[in-house]
PDB file of N, CA and C in Angstrom:
ATOM      1  N   MET A   1      28.607  92.280-106.472  1.00  0.00           N
ATOM      2  CA  MET A   1      29.672  91.703-105.697  1.00  0.00           C
ATOM      3  C   MET A   1      29.723  92.318-104.318  1.00  0.00           C
ATOM      4  N   PHE A   2      29.692  93.655-104.239  1.00  0.00           N
ATOM      5  CA  PHE A   2      29.755  94.280-102.923  1.00  0.00           C
ATOM      6  C   PHE A   2      28.419  94.240-102.218  1.00  0.00           C
ATOM      7  N   GLY A   3      27.350  94.063-102.930  1.00  0.00           N
ATOM      8  CA  GLY A   3      26.044  93.995-102.322  1.00  0.00           C
ATOM      9  C   GLY A   3      25.600  92.570-102.041  1.00  0.00           C
ATOM     10  N   SER A   4      26.531  91.598-102.088  1.00  0.00           N
ATOM     11  CA  SER A   4      26.213  90.192-101.918  1.00  0.00           C
ATOM     12  C   SER A   4      25.811  89.904-100.480  1.00  0.00           C
ATOM     13  N   VAL A   5      24.863  89.010-100.325  1.00  0.00           N
ATOM     14  CA  VAL A   5      24.405  88.619 -99.000  1.00  0.00           C
ATOM     15  C   VAL A   5      25.475  87.765 -98.299  1.00  0.00           C
ATOM     16  N   LEU A   6      26.175  86.956 -99.055  1.00  0.00           N
ATOM     17  CA  LEU A   6      27.208  86.107 -98.490  1.00  0.00           C
ATOM     18  C   LEU A   6      28.485  86.908 -98.334  1.00  0.00           C
ATOM     19  N   ASP A   7      28.903  87.041 -97.139  1.00  0.00           N
ATOM     20  CA  ASP A   7      30.137  87.761 -96.866  1.00  0.00           C
ATOM     21  C   ASP A   7      31.193  86.734 -96.506  1.00  0.00           C
ATOM     22  N   PRO A   8      32.299  86.654 -97.236  1.00  0.00           N
ATOM     23  CA  PRO A   8      33.302  85.623 -96.955  1.00  0.00           C
ATOM     24  C   PRO A   8      33.882  85.705 -95.547  1.00  0.00           C
ATOM     25  N   GLU A   9      33.851  86.830 -94.931  1.00  0.00           N
ATOM     26  CA  GLU A   9      34.400  86.968 -93.592  1.00  0.00           C
ATOM     27  C   GLU A   9      33.431  86.437 -92.536  1.00  0.00           C
ATOM     28  N   ARG A  10      32.197  86.348 -92.822  1.00  0.00           N
ATOM     29  CA  ARG A  10      31.192  85.892 -91.861  1.00  0.00           C
ATOM     30  C   ARG A  10      31.119  84.362 -91.825  1.00  0.00           C
ATOM     31  N   VAL A  11      31.581  83.685 -92.883  1.00  0.00           N
ATOM     32  CA  VAL A  11      31.497  82.230 -92.932  1.00  0.00           C
ATOM     33  C   VAL A  11      32.350  81.622 -91.814  1.00  0.00           C
ATOM     34  N   PHE A  12      33.536  82.137 -91.611  1.00  0.00           N
ATOM     35  CA  PHE A  12      34.405  81.600 -90.580  1.00  0.00           C
ATOM     36  C   PHE A  12      33.956  82.009 -89.189  1.00  0.00           C
ATOM     37  N   ASP A  13      33.226  83.049 -89.104  1.00  0.00           N
ATOM     38  CA  ASP A  13      32.743  83.530 -87.820  1.00  0.00           C
ATOM     39  C   ASP A  13      31.671  82.604 -87.245  1.00  0.00           C
ATOM     40  N   SER A  14      30.936  81.910 -88.096  1.00  0.00           N
ATOM     41  CA  SER A  14      29.851  81.060 -87.617  1.00  0.00           C
ATOM     42  C   SER A  14      30.294  79.633 -87.295  1.00  0.00           C
ATOM     43  N   MET A  15      31.560  79.276 -87.525  1.00  0.00           N
ATOM     44  CA  MET A  15      32.034  77.925 -87.215  1.00  0.00           C
ATOM     45  C   MET A  15      32.227  77.773 -85.709  1.00  0.00           C
ATOM     46  N   TRP A  16      31.849  76.661 -85.208  1.00  0.00           N
ATOM     47  CA  TRP A  16      32.076  76.396 -83.789  1.00  0.00           C
ATOM     48  C   TRP A  16      33.265  75.472 -83.643  1.00  0.00           C
ATOM     49  N   ALA A  17      34.025  75.664 -82.593  1.00  0.00           N
ATOM     50  CA  ALA A  17      35.234  74.874 -82.374  1.00  0.00           C
ATOM     51  C   ALA A  17      34.876  73.581 -81.647  1.00  0.00           C
ATOM     52  N   MET A  18      35.618  72.525 -81.945  1.00  0.00           N
ATOM     53  CA  MET A  18      35.395  71.244 -81.287  1.00  0.00           C
ATOM     54  C   MET A  18      36.028  71.296 -79.902  1.00  0.00           C
ATOM     55  N   ASP A  19      35.303  70.831 -78.923  1.00  0.00           N
ATOM     56  CA  ASP A  19      35.834  70.825 -77.558  1.00  0.00           C
ATOM     57  C   ASP A  19      37.011  69.882 -77.445  1.00  0.00           C
ATOM     58  N   ARG A  20      37.982  70.251 -76.635  1.00  0.00           N
ATOM     59  CA  ARG A  20      39.099  69.354 -76.362  1.00  0.00           C
ATOM     60  C   ARG A  20      38.596  68.128 -75.602  1.00  0.00           C
ATOM     61  N   THR A  21      37.587  68.318 -74.782  1.00  0.00           N
ATOM     62  CA  THR A  21      37.046  67.220 -73.992  1.00  0.00           C
ATOM     63  C   THR A  21      36.480  66.137 -74.903  1.00  0.00           C
ATOM     64  N   ARG A  22      35.810  66.522 -75.974  1.00  0.00           N
ATOM     65  CA  ARG A  22      35.236  65.551 -76.893  1.00  0.00           C
ATOM     66  C   ARG A  22      36.345  64.744 -77.578  1.00  0.00           C
ATOM     67  N   VAL A  23      37.420  65.404 -77.951  1.00  0.00           N
ATOM     68  CA  VAL A  23      38.542  64.717 -78.585  1.00  0.00           C
ATOM     69  C   VAL A  23      39.168  63.751 -77.589  1.00  0.00           C
ATOM     70  N   ARG A  24      39.346  64.189 -76.371  1.00  0.00           N
ATOM     71  CA  ARG A  24      39.935  63.321 -75.341  1.00  0.00           C
ATOM     72  C   ARG A  24      39.040  62.110 -75.057  1.00  0.00           C
ATOM     73  N   ARG A  25      37.759  62.347 -74.974  1.00  0.00           N
ATOM     74  CA  ARG A  25      36.838  61.221 -74.734  1.00  0.00           C
ATOM     75  C   ARG A  25      36.885  60.216 -75.879  1.00  0.00           C
ATOM     76  N   ARG A  26      36.932  60.726 -77.101  1.00  0.00           N
ATOM     77  CA  ARG A  26      36.988  59.845 -78.260  1.00  0.00           C
ATOM     78  C   ARG A  26      38.280  59.028 -78.250  1.00  0.00           C
ATOM     79  N   ARG A  27      39.401  59.679 -77.959  1.00  0.00           N
ATOM     80  CA  ARG A  27      40.672  58.953 -77.892  1.00  0.00           C
ATOM     81  C   ARG A  27      40.666  57.936 -76.768  1.00  0.00           C
ATOM     82  N   LEU A  28      40.118  58.313 -75.631  1.00  0.00           N
ATOM     83  CA  LEU A  28      40.033  57.397 -74.499  1.00  0.00           C
ATOM     84  C   LEU A  28      39.150  56.198 -74.831  1.00  0.00           C
ATOM     85  N   THR A  29      38.025  56.428 -75.477  1.00  0.00           N
ATOM     86  CA  THR A  29      37.125  55.342 -75.858  1.00  0.00           C
ATOM     87  C   THR A  29      37.794  54.393 -76.854  1.00  0.00           C
ATOM     88  N   ILE A  30      38.476  54.947 -77.831  1.00  0.00           N
ATOM     89  CA  ILE A  30      39.164  54.106 -78.815  1.00  0.00           C
ATOM     90  C   ILE A  30      40.287  53.317 -78.145  1.00  0.00           C
ATOM     91  N   GLY A  31      41.027  53.958 -77.255  1.00  0.00           N
ATOM     92  CA  GLY A  31      42.116  53.268 -76.557  1.00  0.00           C
ATOM     93  C   GLY A  31      41.617  52.140 -75.666  1.00  0.00           C
ATOM     94  N   LEU A  32      40.550  52.394 -74.914  1.00  0.00           N
ATOM     95  CA  LEU A  32      39.992  51.353 -74.048  1.00  0.00           C
ATOM     96  C   LEU A  32      39.425  50.193 -74.868  1.00  0.00           C
ATOM     97  N   THR A  33      38.766  50.509 -75.956  1.00  0.00           N
ATOM     98  CA  THR A  33      38.236  49.451 -76.820  1.00  0.00           C
ATOM     99  C   THR A  33      39.366  48.600 -77.385  1.00  0.00           C
ATOM    100  N   ALA A  34      40.438  49.250 -77.822  1.00  0.00           N
ATOM    101  CA  ALA A  34      41.585  48.506 -78.352  1.00  0.00           C
ATOM    102  C   ALA A  34      42.217  47.639 -77.269  1.00  0.00           C
ATOM    103  N   ALA A  35      42.302  48.158 -76.048  1.00  0.00           N
ATOM    104  CA  ALA A  35      42.887  47.378 -74.951  1.00  0.00           C
ATOM    105  C   ALA A  35      42.026  46.168 -74.609  1.00  0.00           C
ATOM    106  N   ILE A  36      40.724  46.332 -74.608  1.00  0.00           N
ATOM    107  CA  ILE A  36      39.823  45.213 -74.307  1.00  0.00           C
ATOM    108  C   ILE A  36      39.922  44.145 -75.392  1.00  0.00           C
ATOM    109  N   VAL A  37      39.939  44.566 -76.641  1.00  0.00           N
ATOM    110  CA  VAL A  37      40.052  43.605 -77.745  1.00  0.00           C
ATOM    111  C   VAL A  37      41.400  42.891 -77.678  1.00  0.00           C
ATOM    112  N   ALA A  38      42.471  43.635 -77.407  1.00  0.00           N
ATOM    113  CA  ALA A  38      43.793  43.006 -77.303  1.00  0.00           C
ATOM    114  C   ALA A  38      43.843  42.023 -76.144  1.00  0.00           C
ATOM    115  N   GLY A  39      43.216  42.371 -75.025  1.00  0.00           N
ATOM    116  CA  GLY A  39      43.181  41.452 -73.890  1.00  0.00           C
ATOM    117  C   GLY A  39      42.379  40.202 -74.182  1.00  0.00           C
ATOM    118  N   ALA A  40      41.287  40.367 -74.909  1.00  0.00           N
ATOM    119  CA  ALA A  40      40.464  39.207 -75.249  1.00  0.00           C
ATOM    120  C   ALA A  40      41.220  38.256 -76.177  1.00  0.00           C
ATOM    121  N   TRP A  41      42.038  38.797 -77.059  1.00  0.00           N
ATOM    122  CA  TRP A  41      42.823  37.958 -77.964  1.00  0.00           C
ATOM    123  C   TRP A  41      44.068  37.412 -77.284  1.00  0.00           C
ATOM    124  N   ALA A  42      44.635  38.162 -76.347  1.00  0.00           N
ATOM    125  CA  ALA A  42      45.890  37.748 -75.711  1.00  0.00           C
ATOM    126  C   ALA A  42      45.679  36.591 -74.743  1.00  0.00           C
ATOM    127  N   GLY A  43      44.546  36.533 -74.059  1.00  0.00           N
ATOM    128  CA  GLY A  43      44.308  35.476 -73.079  1.00  0.00           C
ATOM    129  C   GLY A  43      44.423  34.077 -73.658  1.00  0.00           C
ATOM    130  N   PRO A  44      43.638  33.740 -74.668  1.00  0.00           N
ATOM    131  CA  PRO A  44      43.759  32.407 -75.270  1.00  0.00           C
ATOM    132  C   PRO A  44      45.119  32.170 -75.911  1.00  0.00           C
ATOM    133  N   PHE A  45      45.711  33.216 -76.491  1.00  0.00           N
ATOM    134  CA  PHE A  45      47.014  33.060 -77.122  1.00  0.00           C
ATOM    135  C   PHE A  45      48.078  32.691 -76.095  1.00  0.00           C
ATOM    136  N   VAL A  46      48.035  33.333 -74.935  1.00  0.00           N
ATOM    137  CA  VAL A  46      49.006  33.033 -73.884  1.00  0.00           C
ATOM    138  C   VAL A  46      48.814  31.609 -73.374  1.00  0.00           C
ATOM    139  N   ASP A  47      47.574  31.160 -73.242  1.00  0.00           N
ATOM    140  CA  ASP A  47      47.325  29.780 -72.800  1.00  0.00           C
ATOM    141  C   ASP A  47      47.886  28.770 -73.786  1.00  0.00           C
ATOM    142  N   VAL A  48      47.767  29.051 -75.071  1.00  0.00           N
ATOM    143  CA  VAL A  48      48.279  28.131 -76.078  1.00  0.00           C
ATOM    144  C   VAL A  48      49.802  28.112 -76.048  1.00  0.00           C
ATOM    145  N   VAL A  49      50.413  29.273 -75.943  1.00  0.00           N
ATOM    146  CA  VAL A  49      51.872  29.358 -75.955  1.00  0.00           C
ATOM    147  C   VAL A  49      52.466  28.756 -74.687  1.00  0.00           C
ATOM    148  N   ARG A  50      51.882  29.106 -73.540  1.00  0.00           N
ATOM    149  CA  ARG A  50      52.414  28.658 -72.264  1.00  0.00           C
ATOM    150  C   ARG A  50      52.082  27.195 -72.007  1.00  0.00           C
ATOM    151  N   GLY A  51      50.945  26.753 -72.425  1.00  0.00           N
ATOM    152  CA  GLY A  51      50.508  25.390 -72.124  1.00  0.00           C
ATOM    153  C   GLY A  51      49.839  25.368 -70.762  1.00  0.00           C
ATOM    154  N   ASP A  52      48.976  24.431 -70.552  1.00  0.00           N
ATOM    155  CA  ASP A  52      48.253  24.330 -69.297  1.00  0.00           C
ATOM    156  C   ASP A  52      48.753  23.107 -68.544  1.00  0.00           C
ATOM    157  N   PRO A  53      49.473  23.303 -67.431  1.00  0.00           N
ATOM    158  CA  PRO A  53      50.024  22.152 -66.718  1.00  0.00           C
ATOM    159  C   PRO A  53      48.951  21.253 -66.108  1.00  0.00           C
ATOM    160  N   GLU A  54      47.755  21.787 -65.859  1.00  0.00           N
ATOM    161  CA  GLU A  54      46.697  20.961 -65.283  1.00  0.00           C
ATOM    162  C   GLU A  54      46.163  19.941 -66.287  1.00  0.00           C
ATOM    163  N   ARG A  55      46.302  20.224 -67.557  1.00  0.00           N
ATOM    164  CA  ARG A  55      45.785  19.321 -68.581  1.00  0.00           C
ATOM    165  C   ARG A  55      46.844  18.362 -69.104  1.00  0.00           C
ATOM    166  N   ALA A  56      48.022  18.423 -68.540  1.00  0.00           N
ATOM    167  CA  ALA A  56      49.082  17.530 -68.990  1.00  0.00           C
ATOM    168  C   ALA A  56      48.703  16.095 -68.644  1.00  0.00           C
ATOM    169  N   PRO A  57      48.900  15.171 -69.565  1.00  0.00           N
ATOM    170  CA  PRO A  57      48.545  13.785 -69.276  1.00  0.00           C
ATOM    171  C   PRO A  57      49.460  13.201 -68.202  1.00  0.00           C
ATOM    172  N   VAL A  58      48.852  12.442 -67.321  1.00  0.00           N
ATOM    173  CA  VAL A  58      49.581  11.798 -66.229  1.00  0.00           C
ATOM    174  C   VAL A  58      49.464  10.295 -66.427  1.00  0.00           C
ATOM    175  N   ALA A  59      50.607   9.614 -66.293  1.00  0.00           N
ATOM    176  CA  ALA A  59      50.583   8.161 -66.405  1.00  0.00           C
ATOM    177  C   ALA A  59      49.809   7.593 -65.224  1.00  0.00           C
ATOM    178  N   SER A  60      48.931   6.659 -65.502  1.00  0.00           N
ATOM    179  CA  SER A  60      48.141   6.059 -64.435  1.00  0.00           C
ATOM    180  C   SER A  60      47.840   4.606 -64.778  1.00  0.00           C
ATOM    181  N   ILE A  61      47.470   3.885 -63.731  1.00  0.00           N
ATOM    182  CA  ILE A  61      47.072   2.491 -63.922  1.00  0.00           C
ATOM    183  C   ILE A  61      45.638   2.364 -63.438  1.00  0.00           C
ATOM    184  N   GLY A  62      44.949   1.364 -63.945  1.00  0.00           N
ATOM    185  CA  GLY A  62      43.581   1.104 -63.509  1.00  0.00           C
ATOM    186  C   GLY A  62      43.569   0.076 -62.383  1.00  0.00           C
ATOM    187  N   TYR A  63      42.721   0.303 -61.406  1.00  0.00           N
ATOM    188  CA  TYR A  63      42.593  -0.632 -60.281  1.00  0.00           C
ATOM    189  C   TYR A  63      41.107  -0.909 -60.080  1.00  0.00           C
ATOM    190  N   VAL A  64      40.733  -2.171 -60.046  1.00  0.00           N
ATOM    191  CA  VAL A  64      39.341  -2.567 -59.814  1.00  0.00           C
ATOM    192  C   VAL A  64      39.148  -2.767 -58.318  1.00  0.00           C
ATOM    193  N   VAL A  65      38.210  -2.033 -57.766  1.00  0.00           N
ATOM    194  CA  VAL A  65      37.949  -2.074 -56.317  1.00  0.00           C
ATOM    195  C   VAL A  65      37.316  -3.413 -55.951  1.00  0.00           C
ATOM    196  N   ARG A  66      37.838  -4.015 -54.875  1.00  0.00           N
ATOM    197  CA  ARG A  66      37.276  -5.261 -54.345  1.00  0.00           C
ATOM    198  C   ARG A  66      36.555  -4.974 -53.038  1.00  0.00           C
ATOM    199  N   GLU A  67      35.802  -5.934 -52.576  1.00  0.00           N
ATOM    200  CA  GLU A  67      35.049  -5.807 -51.316  1.00  0.00           C
ATOM    201  C   GLU A  67      36.023  -5.517 -50.180  1.00  0.00           C
ATOM    202  N   GLY A  68      35.753  -4.475 -49.399  1.00  0.00           N
ATOM    203  CA  GLY A  68      36.565  -4.136 -48.240  1.00  0.00           C
ATOM    204  C   GLY A  68      37.743  -3.225 -48.547  1.00  0.00           C
ATOM    205  N   ASP A  69      37.960  -2.869 -49.807  1.00  0.00           N
ATOM    206  CA  ASP A  69      39.060  -1.967 -50.152  1.00  0.00           C
ATOM    207  C   ASP A  69      38.761  -0.536 -49.720  1.00  0.00           C
ATOM    208  N   THR A  70      39.798   0.140 -49.287  1.00  0.00           N
ATOM    209  CA  THR A  70      39.740   1.581 -49.027  1.00  0.00           C
ATOM    210  C   THR A  70      40.847   2.223 -49.856  1.00  0.00           C
ATOM    211  N   LEU A  71      40.781   3.510 -50.000  1.00  0.00           N
ATOM    212  CA  LEU A  71      41.831   4.198 -50.744  1.00  0.00           C
ATOM    213  C   LEU A  71      43.181   3.980 -50.073  1.00  0.00           C
ATOM    214  N   TRP A  72      43.179   4.004 -48.757  1.00  0.00           N
ATOM    215  CA  TRP A  72      44.409   3.822 -47.996  1.00  0.00           C
ATOM    216  C   TRP A  72      45.010   2.431 -48.262  1.00  0.00           C
ATOM    217  N   SER A  73      44.155   1.408 -48.228  1.00  0.00           N
ATOM    218  CA  SER A  73      44.667   0.041 -48.435  1.00  0.00           C
ATOM    219  C   SER A  73      45.134  -0.174 -49.884  1.00  0.00           C
ATOM    220  N   ILE A  74      44.466   0.476 -50.830  1.00  0.00           N
ATOM    221  CA  ILE A  74      44.885   0.372 -52.233  1.00  0.00           C
ATOM    222  C   ILE A  74      46.279   0.965 -52.403  1.00  0.00           C
ATOM    223  N   VAL A  75      46.513   2.134 -51.820  1.00  0.00           N
ATOM    224  CA  VAL A  75      47.816   2.784 -51.944  1.00  0.00           C
ATOM    225  C   VAL A  75      48.886   1.967 -51.231  1.00  0.00           C
ATOM    226  N   GLU A  76      48.561   1.411 -50.062  1.00  0.00           N
ATOM    227  CA  GLU A  76      49.549   0.601 -49.352  1.00  0.00           C
ATOM    228  C   GLU A  76      49.899  -0.660 -50.139  1.00  0.00           C
ATOM    229  N   THR A  77      48.923  -1.203 -50.888  1.00  0.00           N
ATOM    230  CA  THR A  77      49.194  -2.382 -51.710  1.00  0.00           C
ATOM    231  C   THR A  77      50.072  -2.031 -52.907  1.00  0.00           C
ATOM    232  N   LEU A  78      49.765  -0.912 -53.561  1.00  0.00           N
ATOM    233  CA  LEU A  78      50.487  -0.537 -54.772  1.00  0.00           C
ATOM    234  C   LEU A  78      51.838   0.128 -54.494  1.00  0.00           C
ATOM    235  N   ARG A  79      51.947   0.802 -53.361  1.00  0.00           N
ATOM    236  CA  ARG A  79      53.187   1.515 -53.023  1.00  0.00           C
ATOM    237  C   ARG A  79      53.587   1.232 -51.580  1.00  0.00           C
ATOM    238  N   PRO A  80      54.078   0.058 -51.303  1.00  0.00           N
ATOM    239  CA  PRO A  80      54.449  -0.269 -49.930  1.00  0.00           C
ATOM    240  C   PRO A  80      55.647   0.564 -49.473  1.00  0.00           C
ATOM    241  N   GLY A  81      55.597   0.974 -48.216  1.00  0.00           N
ATOM    242  CA  GLY A  81      56.702   1.723 -47.630  1.00  0.00           C
ATOM    243  C   GLY A  81      56.664   3.226 -47.906  1.00  0.00           C
ATOM    244  N   GLN A  82      55.682   3.720 -48.645  1.00  0.00           N
ATOM    245  CA  GLN A  82      55.572   5.157 -48.933  1.00  0.00           C
ATOM    246  C   GLN A  82      54.439   5.763 -48.120  1.00  0.00           C
ATOM    247  N   ASP A  83      54.506   7.059 -47.929  1.00  0.00           N
ATOM    248  CA  ASP A  83      53.425   7.769 -47.241  1.00  0.00           C
ATOM    249  C   ASP A  83      52.199   7.764 -48.153  1.00  0.00           C
ATOM    250  N   PRO A  84      51.085   7.186 -47.716  1.00  0.00           N
ATOM    251  CA  PRO A  84      49.913   7.052 -48.606  1.00  0.00           C
ATOM    252  C   PRO A  84      49.090   8.334 -48.770  1.00  0.00           C
ATOM    253  N   ARG A  85      49.287   9.331 -47.910  1.00  0.00           N
ATOM    254  CA  ARG A  85      48.435  10.522 -47.966  1.00  0.00           C
ATOM    255  C   ARG A  85      48.487  11.264 -49.299  1.00  0.00           C
ATOM    256  N   PRO A  86      49.672  11.566 -49.858  1.00  0.00           N
ATOM    257  CA  PRO A  86      49.664  12.252 -51.166  1.00  0.00           C
ATOM    258  C   PRO A  86      49.056  11.399 -52.282  1.00  0.00           C
ATOM    259  N   ALA A  87      49.270  10.103 -52.221  1.00  0.00           N
ATOM    260  CA  ALA A  87      48.716   9.219 -53.249  1.00  0.00           C
ATOM    261  C   ALA A  87      47.198   9.132 -53.136  1.00  0.00           C
ATOM    262  N   VAL A  88      46.673   9.124 -51.924  1.00  0.00           N
ATOM    263  CA  VAL A  88      45.210   9.104 -51.737  1.00  0.00           C
ATOM    264  C   VAL A  88      44.609  10.381 -52.306  1.00  0.00           C
ATOM    265  N   ASP A  89      45.244  11.527 -52.039  1.00  0.00           N
ATOM    266  CA  ASP A  89      44.758  12.794 -52.595  1.00  0.00           C
ATOM    267  C   ASP A  89      44.824  12.792 -54.124  1.00  0.00           C
ATOM    268  N   ALA A  90      45.877  12.190 -54.688  1.00  0.00           N
ATOM    269  CA  ALA A  90      46.009  12.121 -56.145  1.00  0.00           C
ATOM    270  C   ALA A  90      44.920  11.244 -56.754  1.00  0.00           C
ATOM    271  N   ILE A  91      44.582  10.149 -56.088  1.00  0.00           N
ATOM    272  CA  ILE A  91      43.510   9.272 -56.586  1.00  0.00           C
ATOM    273  C   ILE A  91      42.173  10.003 -56.540  1.00  0.00           C
ATOM    274  N   LEU A  92      41.925  10.723 -55.451  1.00  0.00           N
ATOM    275  CA  LEU A  92      40.674  11.486 -55.342  1.00  0.00           C
ATOM    276  C   LEU A  92      40.579  12.518 -56.468  1.00  0.00           C
ATOM    277  N   ALA A  93      41.680  13.207 -56.742  1.00  0.00           N
ATOM    278  CA  ALA A  93      41.670  14.233 -57.790  1.00  0.00           C
ATOM    279  C   ALA A  93      41.549  13.612 -59.178  1.00  0.00           C
ATOM    280  N   ALA A  94      42.253  12.516 -59.438  1.00  0.00           N
ATOM    281  CA  ALA A  94      42.243  11.905 -60.768  1.00  0.00           C
ATOM    282  C   ALA A  94      40.882  11.318 -61.125  1.00  0.00           C
ATOM    283  N   ASN A  95      40.151  10.850 -60.122  1.00  0.00           N
ATOM    284  CA  ASN A  95      38.851  10.220 -60.371  1.00  0.00           C
ATOM    285  C   ASN A  95      37.672  11.136 -60.066  1.00  0.00           C
ATOM    286  N   HIS A  96      37.952  12.378 -59.684  1.00  0.00           N
ATOM    287  CA  HIS A  96      36.910  13.360 -59.362  1.00  0.00           C
ATOM    288  C   HIS A  96      35.942  12.812 -58.303  1.00  0.00           C
ATOM    289  N   LEU A  97      36.497  12.208 -57.271  1.00  0.00           N
ATOM    290  CA  LEU A  97      35.688  11.652 -56.195  1.00  0.00           C
ATOM    291  C   LEU A  97      35.448  12.716 -55.135  1.00  0.00           C
ATOM    292  N   GLU A  98      34.204  12.819 -54.690  1.00  0.00           N
ATOM    293  CA  GLU A  98      33.880  13.772 -53.632  1.00  0.00           C
ATOM    294  C   GLU A  98      33.947  13.108 -52.263  1.00  0.00           C
ATOM    295  N   THR A  99      33.709  11.813 -52.217  1.00  0.00           N
ATOM    296  CA  THR A  99      33.776  11.073 -50.956  1.00  0.00           C
ATOM    297  C   THR A  99      34.775   9.947 -51.113  1.00  0.00           C
ATOM    298  N   ARG A 100      35.123   9.367 -50.010  1.00  0.00           N
ATOM    299  CA  ARG A 100      36.080   8.257 -50.034  1.00  0.00           C
ATOM    300  C   ARG A 100      35.378   6.901 -50.100  1.00  0.00           C
ATOM    301  N   ALA A 101      34.060   6.914 -50.269  1.00  0.00           N
ATOM    302  CA  ALA A 101      33.318   5.655 -50.351  1.00  0.00           C
ATOM    303  C   ALA A 101      33.567   4.994 -51.699  1.00  0.00           C
ATOM    304  N   LEU A 102      33.924   3.727 -51.658  1.00  0.00           N
ATOM    305  CA  LEU A 102      34.196   2.969 -52.875  1.00  0.00           C
ATOM    306  C   LEU A 102      33.164   1.869 -53.054  1.00  0.00           C
ATOM    307  N   VAL A 103      32.912   1.512 -54.302  1.00  0.00           N
ATOM    308  CA  VAL A 103      31.947   0.477 -54.641  1.00  0.00           C
ATOM    309  C   VAL A 103      32.716  -0.681 -55.278  1.00  0.00           C
ATOM    310  N   PRO A 104      32.490  -1.922 -54.815  1.00  0.00           N
ATOM    311  CA  PRO A 104      33.175  -3.059 -55.447  1.00  0.00           C
ATOM    312  C   PRO A 104      32.879  -3.099 -56.943  1.00  0.00           C
ATOM    313  N   GLY A 105      33.929  -3.325 -57.731  1.00  0.00           N
ATOM    314  CA  GLY A 105      33.788  -3.341 -59.178  1.00  0.00           C
ATOM    315  C   GLY A 105      34.118  -2.002 -59.823  1.00  0.00           C
ATOM    316  N   GLN A 106      34.188  -0.957 -59.030  1.00  0.00           N
ATOM    317  CA  GLN A 106      34.511   0.372 -59.535  1.00  0.00           C
ATOM    318  C   GLN A 106      35.973   0.384 -60.013  1.00  0.00           C
ATOM    319  N   VAL A 107      36.233   1.016 -61.144  1.00  0.00           N
ATOM    320  CA  VAL A 107      37.595   1.115 -61.672  1.00  0.00           C
ATOM    321  C   VAL A 107      38.141   2.487 -61.315  1.00  0.00           C
ATOM    322  N   LEU A 108      39.273   2.496 -60.621  1.00  0.00           N
ATOM    323  CA  LEU A 108      39.933   3.736 -60.223  1.00  0.00           C
ATOM    324  C   LEU A 108      41.201   3.939 -61.045  1.00  0.00           C
ATOM    325  N   LEU A 109      41.443   5.179 -61.432  1.00  0.00           N
ATOM    326  CA  LEU A 109      42.714   5.522 -62.055  1.00  0.00           C
ATOM    327  C   LEU A 109      43.671   5.911 -60.936  1.00  0.00           C
ATOM    328  N   VAL A 110      44.802   5.236 -60.876  1.00  0.00           N
ATOM    329  CA  VAL A 110      45.799   5.516 -59.849  1.00  0.00           C
ATOM    330  C   VAL A 110      47.010   6.134 -60.541  1.00  0.00           C
ATOM    331  N   PRO A 111      47.263   7.440 -60.326  1.00  0.00           N
ATOM    332  CA  PRO A 111      48.415   8.090 -60.961  1.00  0.00           C
ATOM    333  C   PRO A 111      49.710   7.464 -60.463  1.00  0.00           C
ATOM    334  N   THR A 112      50.635   7.241 -61.380  1.00  0.00           N
ATOM    335  CA  THR A 112      51.896   6.595 -61.017  1.00  0.00           C
ATOM    336  C   THR A 112      52.996   7.608 -60.713  1.00  0.00           C
ATOM    337  N   SER A 113      52.782   8.870 -61.014  1.00  0.00           N
ATOM    338  CA  SER A 113      53.832   9.874 -60.855  1.00  0.00           C
ATOM    339  C   SER A 113      53.918  10.435 -59.443  1.00  0.00           C
ATOM    340  N   SER A 114      52.883  10.363 -58.648  1.00  0.00           N
ATOM    341  CA  SER A 114      52.935  10.988 -57.316  1.00  0.00           C
ATOM    342  C   SER A 114      53.367  10.007 -56.264  1.00  0.00           C
TER     343      SER A 114
END
């Protein structure tokens, strides 16, 4: 017993202590990972709860373009006495038009709310 190679007092002497820095890094890594995961889940959830106003359906009518029609003349025909500029912009946005060139026979969606 007294001549034993294993000394109980030496076992604790050989243990190394864990750095505080390693614990802090581990906590920081876990916290950042949790925040990223929570953010990834929160984004779509907030969109569903809040709703997307850009995707809200807008009442519109269809208009078939005739020879010589312009967006301005279409709006003046459908909404006499109103400023045609906001309505022209709404038609461009609703139909995803990049130019104001129209083709006879083309069907345009004309929003009725603007």
